[in-house]
């Protein structure tokens, strides 16, 4: 789990079918910039917690065949 700051959003004209409709955020963390799926409503400038727990991401999306790795698991209060 990493703490990071949302610096933007990512868009794609072609993506894996499991990612259609999911909001993708660019998150700047200590390890670099990650693309994380979001279902909590985080926005640019928010501090978030992201996780690379594959099981959580697969359950969140509802499929076992997703290439997604990172997901927002919390928005940090200021």
PDB file of N, CA and C in Angstrom:
ATOM      1  N   UNK A   1       0.850  -1.164   0.000  1.00  0.00           N
ATOM      2  CA  UNK A   1       0.000   0.000   0.000  1.00  0.00           C
ATOM      3  C   UNK A   1       0.901   1.233   0.000  1.00  0.00           C
ATOM      4  N   UNK A   2       0.527   2.219  -0.816  1.00  0.00           N
ATOM      5  CA  UNK A   2       1.307   3.450  -0.931  1.00  0.00           C
ATOM      6  C   UNK A   2       0.392   4.661  -0.769  1.00  0.00           C
ATOM      7  N   UNK A   3       0.978   5.741  -0.273  1.00  0.00           N
ATOM      8  CA  UNK A   3       0.278   7.014  -0.221  1.00  0.00           C
ATOM      9  C   UNK A   3       0.774   7.840  -1.398  1.00  0.00           C
ATOM     10  N   UNK A   4      -0.154   8.528  -2.066  1.00  0.00           N
ATOM     11  CA  UNK A   4       0.228   9.342  -3.206  1.00  0.00           C
ATOM     12  C   UNK A   4      -0.740  10.481  -3.409  1.00  0.00           C
ATOM     13  N   UNK A   5      -0.427  11.297  -4.411  1.00  0.00           N
ATOM     14  CA  UNK A   5      -1.268  12.453  -4.741  1.00  0.00           C
ATOM     15  C   UNK A   5      -1.752  12.304  -6.174  1.00  0.00           C
ATOM     16  N   UNK A   6      -3.049  12.524  -6.377  1.00  0.00           N
ATOM     17  CA  UNK A   6      -3.630  12.440  -7.718  1.00  0.00           C
ATOM     18  C   UNK A   6      -3.185  13.662  -8.511  1.00  0.00           C
ATOM     19  N   UNK A   7      -2.514  13.403  -9.640  1.00  0.00           N
ATOM     20  CA  UNK A   7      -1.996  14.506 -10.455  1.00  0.00           C
ATOM     21  C   UNK A   7      -2.718  14.630 -11.796  1.00  0.00           C
ATOM     22  N   UNK A   8      -3.635  13.727 -12.065  1.00  0.00           N
ATOM     23  CA  UNK A   8      -4.375  13.800 -13.315  1.00  0.00           C
ATOM     24  C   UNK A   8      -5.185  12.546 -13.549  1.00  0.00           C
ATOM     25  N   UNK A   9      -5.759  12.476 -14.749  1.00  0.00           N
ATOM     26  CA  UNK A   9      -6.526  11.304 -15.141  1.00  0.00           C
ATOM     27  C   UNK A   9      -5.913  10.717 -16.402  1.00  0.00           C
ATOM     28  N   UNK A  10      -6.223   9.465 -16.654  1.00  0.00           N
ATOM     29  CA  UNK A  10      -5.739   8.793 -17.866  1.00  0.00           C
ATOM     30  C   UNK A  10      -6.943   8.412 -18.711  1.00  0.00           C
ATOM     31  N   UNK A  11      -6.805   8.575 -20.009  1.00  0.00           N
ATOM     32  CA  UNK A  11      -7.843   8.145 -20.940  1.00  0.00           C
ATOM     33  C   UNK A  11      -7.216   7.229 -21.977  1.00  0.00           C
ATOM     34  N   UNK A  12      -8.035   6.400 -22.562  1.00  0.00           N
ATOM     35  CA  UNK A  12      -7.531   5.453 -23.549  1.00  0.00           C
ATOM     36  C   UNK A  12      -8.600   5.212 -24.599  1.00  0.00           C
ATOM     37  N   UNK A  13      -8.208   5.210 -25.858  1.00  0.00           N
ATOM     38  CA  UNK A  13      -9.162   4.922 -26.925  1.00  0.00           C
ATOM     39  C   UNK A  13      -9.407   3.429 -27.041  1.00  0.00           C
ATOM     40  N   UNK A  14      -8.437   2.633 -26.620  1.00  0.00           N
ATOM     41  CA  UNK A  14      -8.594   1.177 -26.607  1.00  0.00           C
ATOM     42  C   UNK A  14      -8.105   0.665 -25.271  1.00  0.00           C
ATOM     43  N   UNK A  15      -8.917  -0.161 -24.625  1.00  0.00           N
ATOM     44  CA  UNK A  15      -8.497  -0.742 -23.368  1.00  0.00           C
ATOM     45  C   UNK A  15      -9.130  -2.106 -23.179  1.00  0.00           C
ATOM     46  N   UNK A  16      -8.601  -2.843 -22.239  1.00  0.00           N
ATOM     47  CA  UNK A  16      -9.124  -4.167 -21.922  1.00  0.00           C
ATOM     48  C   UNK A  16     -10.606  -4.042 -21.572  1.00  0.00           C
ATOM     49  N   UNK A  17     -11.385  -5.010 -21.984  1.00  0.00           N
ATOM     50  CA  UNK A  17     -12.846  -4.934 -21.780  1.00  0.00           C
ATOM     51  C   UNK A  17     -13.226  -4.809 -20.303  1.00  0.00           C
ATOM     52  N   UNK A  18     -12.402  -5.317 -19.399  1.00  0.00           N
ATOM     53  CA  UNK A  18     -12.720  -5.223 -17.970  1.00  0.00           C
ATOM     54  C   UNK A  18     -12.560  -3.813 -17.427  1.00  0.00           C
ATOM     55  N   UNK A  19     -11.887  -2.938 -18.170  1.00  0.00           N
ATOM     56  CA  UNK A  19     -11.630  -1.574 -17.693  1.00  0.00           C
ATOM     57  C   UNK A  19     -12.589  -0.531 -18.262  1.00  0.00           C
ATOM     58  N   UNK A  20     -13.477  -0.939 -19.139  1.00  0.00           N
ATOM     59  CA  UNK A  20     -14.433  -0.008 -19.728  1.00  0.00           C
ATOM     60  C   UNK A  20     -15.335   0.558 -18.629  1.00  0.00           C
ATOM     61  N   UNK A  21     -15.420   1.880 -18.573  1.00  0.00           N
ATOM     62  CA  UNK A  21     -16.264   2.549 -17.596  1.00  0.00           C
ATOM     63  C   UNK A  21     -15.579   2.885 -16.280  1.00  0.00           C
ATOM     64  N   UNK A  22     -14.365   2.425 -16.072  1.00  0.00           N
ATOM     65  CA  UNK A  22     -13.639   2.709 -14.829  1.00  0.00           C
ATOM     66  C   UNK A  22     -12.838   3.991 -14.949  1.00  0.00           C
ATOM     67  N   UNK A  23     -12.828   4.784 -13.898  1.00  0.00           N
ATOM     68  CA  UNK A  23     -12.049   6.018 -13.833  1.00  0.00           C
ATOM     69  C   UNK A  23     -10.594   5.647 -13.524  1.00  0.00           C
ATOM     70  N   UNK A  24      -9.677   6.122 -14.353  1.00  0.00           N
ATOM     71  CA  UNK A  24      -8.258   5.845 -14.159  1.00  0.00           C
ATOM     72  C   UNK A  24      -7.550   7.135 -13.761  1.00  0.00           C
ATOM     73  N   UNK A  25      -6.863   7.090 -12.627  1.00  0.00           N
ATOM     74  CA  UNK A  25      -6.169   8.260 -12.103  1.00  0.00           C
ATOM     75  C   UNK A  25      -4.663   8.095 -12.196  1.00  0.00           C
ATOM     76  N   UNK A  26      -3.970   9.197 -12.455  1.00  0.00           N
ATOM     77  CA  UNK A  26      -2.512   9.215 -12.368  1.00  0.00           C
ATOM     78  C   UNK A  26      -2.158   9.614 -10.940  1.00  0.00           C
ATOM     79  N   UNK A  27      -1.459   8.738 -10.248  1.00  0.00           N
ATOM     80  CA  UNK A  27      -1.117   8.970  -8.851  1.00  0.00           C
ATOM     81  C   UNK A  27       0.398   9.030  -8.711  1.00  0.00           C
ATOM     82  N   UNK A  28       0.889  10.143  -8.171  1.00  0.00           N
ATOM     83  CA  UNK A  28       2.314  10.314  -7.919  1.00  0.00           C
ATOM     84  C   UNK A  28       2.619   9.806  -6.522  1.00  0.00           C
ATOM     85  N   UNK A  29       3.400   8.724  -6.445  1.00  0.00           N
ATOM     86  CA  UNK A  29       3.803   8.125  -5.174  1.00  0.00           C
ATOM     87  C   UNK A  29       5.322   8.141  -5.095  1.00  0.00           C
ATOM     88  N   UNK A  30       5.863   7.690  -3.982  1.00  0.00           N
ATOM     89  CA  UNK A  30       7.316   7.653  -3.822  1.00  0.00           C
ATOM     90  C   UNK A  30       7.994   6.793  -4.884  1.00  0.00           C
ATOM     91  N   UNK A  31       7.296   5.758  -5.358  1.00  0.00           N
ATOM     92  CA  UNK A  31       7.857   4.834  -6.348  1.00  0.00           C
ATOM     93  C   UNK A  31       7.685   5.314  -7.787  1.00  0.00           C
ATOM     94  N   UNK A  32       7.072   6.470  -7.999  1.00  0.00           N
ATOM     95  CA  UNK A  32       6.852   6.989  -9.337  1.00  0.00           C
ATOM     96  C   UNK A  32       5.383   7.251  -9.590  1.00  0.00           C
ATOM     97  N   UNK A  33       5.015   7.342 -10.862  1.00  0.00           N
ATOM     98  CA  UNK A  33       3.629   7.605 -11.242  1.00  0.00           C
ATOM     99  C   UNK A  33       2.952   6.283 -11.571  1.00  0.00           C
ATOM    100  N   UNK A  34       1.798   6.063 -10.955  1.00  0.00           N
ATOM    101  CA  UNK A  34       1.017   4.845 -11.176  1.00  0.00           C
ATOM    102  C   UNK A  34      -0.333   5.229 -11.770  1.00  0.00           C
ATOM    103  N   UNK A  35      -0.924   4.298 -12.526  1.00  0.00           N
ATOM    104  CA  UNK A  35      -2.309   4.444 -12.943  1.00  0.00           C
ATOM    105  C   UNK A  35      -3.126   3.563 -12.015  1.00  0.00           C
ATOM    106  N   UNK A  36      -4.080   4.169 -11.321  1.00  0.00           N
ATOM    107  CA  UNK A  36      -4.898   3.443 -10.355  1.00  0.00           C
ATOM    108  C   UNK A  36      -6.372   3.596 -10.704  1.00  0.00           C
ATOM    109  N   UNK A  37      -7.108   2.511 -10.586  1.00  0.00           N
ATOM    110  CA  UNK A  37      -8.554   2.563 -10.796  1.00  0.00           C
ATOM    111  C   UNK A  37      -9.215   3.164  -9.571  1.00  0.00           C
ATOM    112  N   UNK A  38     -10.278   3.924  -9.793  1.00  0.00           N
ATOM    113  CA  UNK A  38     -10.936   4.611  -8.685  1.00  0.00           C
ATOM    114  C   UNK A  38     -12.440   4.389  -8.728  1.00  0.00           C
ATOM    115  N   UNK A  39     -13.006   3.974  -7.604  1.00  0.00           N
ATOM    116  CA  UNK A  39     -14.457   3.909  -7.472  1.00  0.00           C
ATOM    117  C   UNK A  39     -14.914   4.673  -6.233  1.00  0.00           C
ATOM    118  N   UNK A  40     -14.010   5.478  -5.651  1.00  0.00           N
ATOM    119  CA  UNK A  40     -14.327   6.243  -4.446  1.00  0.00           C
ATOM    120  C   UNK A  40     -14.605   7.716  -4.724  1.00  0.00           C
ATOM    121  N   UNK A  41     -14.300   8.177  -5.921  1.00  0.00           N
ATOM    122  CA  UNK A  41     -14.570   9.567  -6.271  1.00  0.00           C
ATOM    123  C   UNK A  41     -13.420  10.521  -6.008  1.00  0.00           C
ATOM    124  N   UNK A  42     -12.195  10.024  -5.981  1.00  0.00           N
ATOM    125  CA  UNK A  42     -11.031  10.896  -5.787  1.00  0.00           C
ATOM    126  C   UNK A  42     -10.844  11.783  -7.019  1.00  0.00           C
ATOM    127  N   UNK A  43     -10.233  12.934  -6.793  1.00  0.00           N
ATOM    128  CA  UNK A  43     -10.000  13.862  -7.890  1.00  0.00           C
ATOM    129  C   UNK A  43      -8.601  14.438  -7.840  1.00  0.00           C
ATOM    130  N   UNK A  44      -8.275  15.229  -8.843  1.00  0.00           N
ATOM    131  CA  UNK A  44      -6.960  15.848  -8.933  1.00  0.00           C
ATOM    132  C   UNK A  44      -6.699  16.677  -7.679  1.00  0.00           C
ATOM    133  N   UNK A  45      -5.525  16.483  -7.082  1.00  0.00           N
ATOM    134  CA  UNK A  45      -5.135  17.201  -5.883  1.00  0.00           C
ATOM    135  C   UNK A  45      -5.399  16.433  -4.600  1.00  0.00           C
ATOM    136  N   UNK A  46      -6.194  15.367  -4.664  1.00  0.00           N
ATOM    137  CA  UNK A  46      -6.477  14.566  -3.467  1.00  0.00           C
ATOM    138  C   UNK A  46      -5.292  13.676  -3.112  1.00  0.00           C
ATOM    139  N   UNK A  47      -5.072  13.511  -1.818  1.00  0.00           N
ATOM    140  CA  UNK A  47      -4.108  12.524  -1.335  1.00  0.00           C
ATOM    141  C   UNK A  47      -4.864  11.221  -1.154  1.00  0.00           C
ATOM    142  N   UNK A  48      -4.311  10.132  -1.700  1.00  0.00           N
ATOM    143  CA  UNK A  48      -5.004   8.851  -1.686  1.00  0.00           C
ATOM    144  C   UNK A  48      -4.072   7.737  -1.222  1.00  0.00           C
ATOM    145  N   UNK A  49      -4.677   6.648  -0.813  1.00  0.00           N
ATOM    146  CA  UNK A  49      -3.963   5.403  -0.539  1.00  0.00           C
ATOM    147  C   UNK A  49      -4.269   4.471  -1.697  1.00  0.00           C
ATOM    148  N   UNK A  50      -3.212   3.882  -2.285  1.00  0.00           N
ATOM    149  CA  UNK A  50      -3.409   2.933  -3.374  1.00  0.00           C
ATOM    150  C   UNK A  50      -2.808   1.592  -2.977  1.00  0.00           C
ATOM    151  N   UNK A  51      -3.382   0.543  -3.522  1.00  0.00           N
ATOM    152  CA  UNK A  51      -2.933  -0.806  -3.202  1.00  0.00           C
ATOM    153  C   UNK A  51      -2.715  -1.591  -4.487  1.00  0.00           C
ATOM    154  N   UNK A  52      -1.726  -2.460  -4.471  1.00  0.00           N
ATOM    155  CA  UNK A  52      -1.470  -3.333  -5.617  1.00  0.00           C
ATOM    156  C   UNK A  52      -1.982  -4.749  -5.338  1.00  0.00           C
ATOM    157  N   UNK A  53      -2.905  -4.873  -4.402  1.00  0.00           N
ATOM    158  CA  UNK A  53      -3.488  -6.166  -4.062  1.00  0.00           C
ATOM    159  C   UNK A  53      -4.371  -6.637  -5.212  1.00  0.00           C
ATOM    160  N   UNK A  54      -3.871  -7.582  -5.975  1.00  0.00           N
ATOM    161  CA  UNK A  54      -4.583  -8.069  -7.148  1.00  0.00           C
ATOM    162  C   UNK A  54      -5.945  -8.645  -6.839  1.00  0.00           C
ATOM    163  N   UNK A  55      -6.085  -9.343  -5.718  1.00  0.00           N
ATOM    164  CA  UNK A  55      -7.371  -9.931  -5.352  1.00  0.00           C
ATOM    165  C   UNK A  55      -8.419  -8.844  -5.133  1.00  0.00           C
ATOM    166  N   UNK A  56      -8.034  -7.758  -4.463  1.00  0.00           N
ATOM    167  CA  UNK A  56      -8.959  -6.650  -4.233  1.00  0.00           C
ATOM    168  C   UNK A  56      -9.401  -6.036  -5.559  1.00  0.00           C
ATOM    169  N   UNK A  57      -8.451  -5.816  -6.468  1.00  0.00           N
ATOM    170  CA  UNK A  57      -8.777  -5.204  -7.761  1.00  0.00           C
ATOM    171  C   UNK A  57      -9.719  -6.111  -8.549  1.00  0.00           C
ATOM    172  N   UNK A  58      -9.445  -7.411  -8.571  1.00  0.00           N
ATOM    173  CA  UNK A  58     -10.314  -8.340  -9.303  1.00  0.00           C
ATOM    174  C   UNK A  58     -11.721  -8.362  -8.717  1.00  0.00           C
ATOM    175  N   UNK A  59     -11.836  -8.332  -7.384  1.00  0.00           N
ATOM    176  CA  UNK A  59     -13.160  -8.302  -6.750  1.00  0.00           C
ATOM    177  C   UNK A  59     -13.881  -6.986  -7.023  1.00  0.00           C
ATOM    178  N   UNK A  60     -13.140  -5.886  -7.007  1.00  0.00           N
ATOM    179  CA  UNK A  60     -13.727  -4.571  -7.247  1.00  0.00           C
ATOM    180  C   UNK A  60     -14.307  -4.500  -8.665  1.00  0.00           C
ATOM    181  N   UNK A  61     -13.562  -5.009  -9.636  1.00  0.00           N
ATOM    182  CA  UNK A  61     -13.994  -4.956 -11.031  1.00  0.00           C
ATOM    183  C   UNK A  61     -15.029  -6.042 -11.332  1.00  0.00           C
ATOM    184  N   UNK A  62     -14.910  -7.167 -10.652  1.00  0.00           N
ATOM    185  CA  UNK A  62     -15.867  -8.247 -10.858  1.00  0.00           C
ATOM    186  C   UNK A  62     -15.457  -9.268 -11.898  1.00  0.00           C
ATOM    187  N   UNK A  63     -14.160  -9.346 -12.176  1.00  0.00           N
ATOM    188  CA  UNK A  63     -13.662 -10.333 -13.130  1.00  0.00           C
ATOM    189  C   UNK A  63     -12.272 -10.799 -12.703  1.00  0.00           C
ATOM    190  N   UNK A  64     -11.952 -12.010 -13.087  1.00  0.00           N
ATOM    191  CA  UNK A  64     -10.627 -12.555 -12.748  1.00  0.00           C
ATOM    192  C   UNK A  64      -9.606 -12.276 -13.841  1.00  0.00           C
ATOM    193  N   UNK A  65     -10.028 -11.716 -14.958  1.00  0.00           N
ATOM    194  CA  UNK A  65      -9.135 -11.558 -16.103  1.00  0.00           C
ATOM    195  C   UNK A  65      -8.861 -10.103 -16.425  1.00  0.00           C
ATOM    196  N   UNK A  66      -8.486  -9.325 -15.444  1.00  0.00           N
ATOM    197  CA  UNK A  66      -8.173  -7.916 -15.680  1.00  0.00           C
ATOM    198  C   UNK A  66      -6.675  -7.683 -15.579  1.00  0.00           C
ATOM    199  N   UNK A  67      -6.130  -6.805 -16.408  1.00  0.00           N
ATOM    200  CA  UNK A  67      -4.714  -6.486 -16.305  1.00  0.00           C
ATOM    201  C   UNK A  67      -4.424  -5.394 -15.268  1.00  0.00           C
ATOM    202  N   UNK A  68      -5.466  -4.875 -14.624  1.00  0.00           N
ATOM    203  CA  UNK A  68      -5.285  -3.784 -13.658  1.00  0.00           C
ATOM    204  C   UNK A  68      -4.510  -4.279 -12.440  1.00  0.00           C
ATOM    205  N   UNK A  69      -3.655  -3.397 -11.911  1.00  0.00           N
ATOM    206  CA  UNK A  69      -2.869  -3.749 -10.730  1.00  0.00           C
ATOM    207  C   UNK A  69      -3.157  -2.831  -9.553  1.00  0.00           C
ATOM    208  N   UNK A  70      -3.241  -1.525  -9.773  1.00  0.00           N
ATOM    209  CA  UNK A  70      -3.395  -0.561  -8.689  1.00  0.00           C
ATOM    210  C   UNK A  70      -4.832  -0.076  -8.587  1.00  0.00           C
ATOM    211  N   UNK A  71      -5.274   0.142  -7.349  1.00  0.00           N
ATOM    212  CA  UNK A  71      -6.616   0.685  -7.101  1.00  0.00           C
ATOM    213  C   UNK A  71      -6.560   1.635  -5.908  1.00  0.00           C
ATOM    214  N   UNK A  72      -7.396   2.666  -5.959  1.00  0.00           N
ATOM    215  CA  UNK A  72      -7.527   3.585  -4.830  1.00  0.00           C
ATOM    216  C   UNK A  72      -8.341   2.858  -3.757  1.00  0.00           C
ATOM    217  N   UNK A  73      -7.782   2.794  -2.537  1.00  0.00           N
ATOM    218  CA  UNK A  73      -8.487   2.129  -1.437  1.00  0.00           C
ATOM    219  C   UNK A  73      -8.909   3.118  -0.370  1.00  0.00           C
ATOM    220  N   UNK A  74      -8.489   4.377  -0.484  1.00  0.00           N
ATOM    221  CA  UNK A  74      -8.897   5.380   0.472  1.00  0.00           C
ATOM    222  C   UNK A  74      -8.481   6.772   0.059  1.00  0.00           C
ATOM    223  N   UNK A  75      -9.257   7.754   0.505  1.00  0.00           N
ATOM    224  CA  UNK A  75      -8.929   9.166   0.290  1.00  0.00           C
ATOM    225  C   UNK A  75      -8.518   9.715   1.643  1.00  0.00           C
ATOM    226  N   UNK A  76      -7.324  10.312   1.721  1.00  0.00           N
ATOM    227  CA  UNK A  76      -6.774  10.799   2.987  1.00  0.00           C
ATOM    228  C   UNK A  76      -7.423  12.128   3.348  1.00  0.00           C
ATOM    229  N   UNK A  77      -7.920  12.227   4.592  1.00  0.00           N
ATOM    230  CA  UNK A  77      -8.489  13.488   5.079  1.00  0.00           C
ATOM    231  C   UNK A  77      -7.386  14.513   5.302  1.00  0.00           C
ATOM    232  N   UNK A  78      -7.729  15.759   5.088  1.00  0.00           N
ATOM    233  CA  UNK A  78      -6.754  16.836   5.298  1.00  0.00           C
ATOM    234  C   UNK A  78      -6.806  17.328   6.718  1.00  0.00           C
TER     235      UNK A  78
END
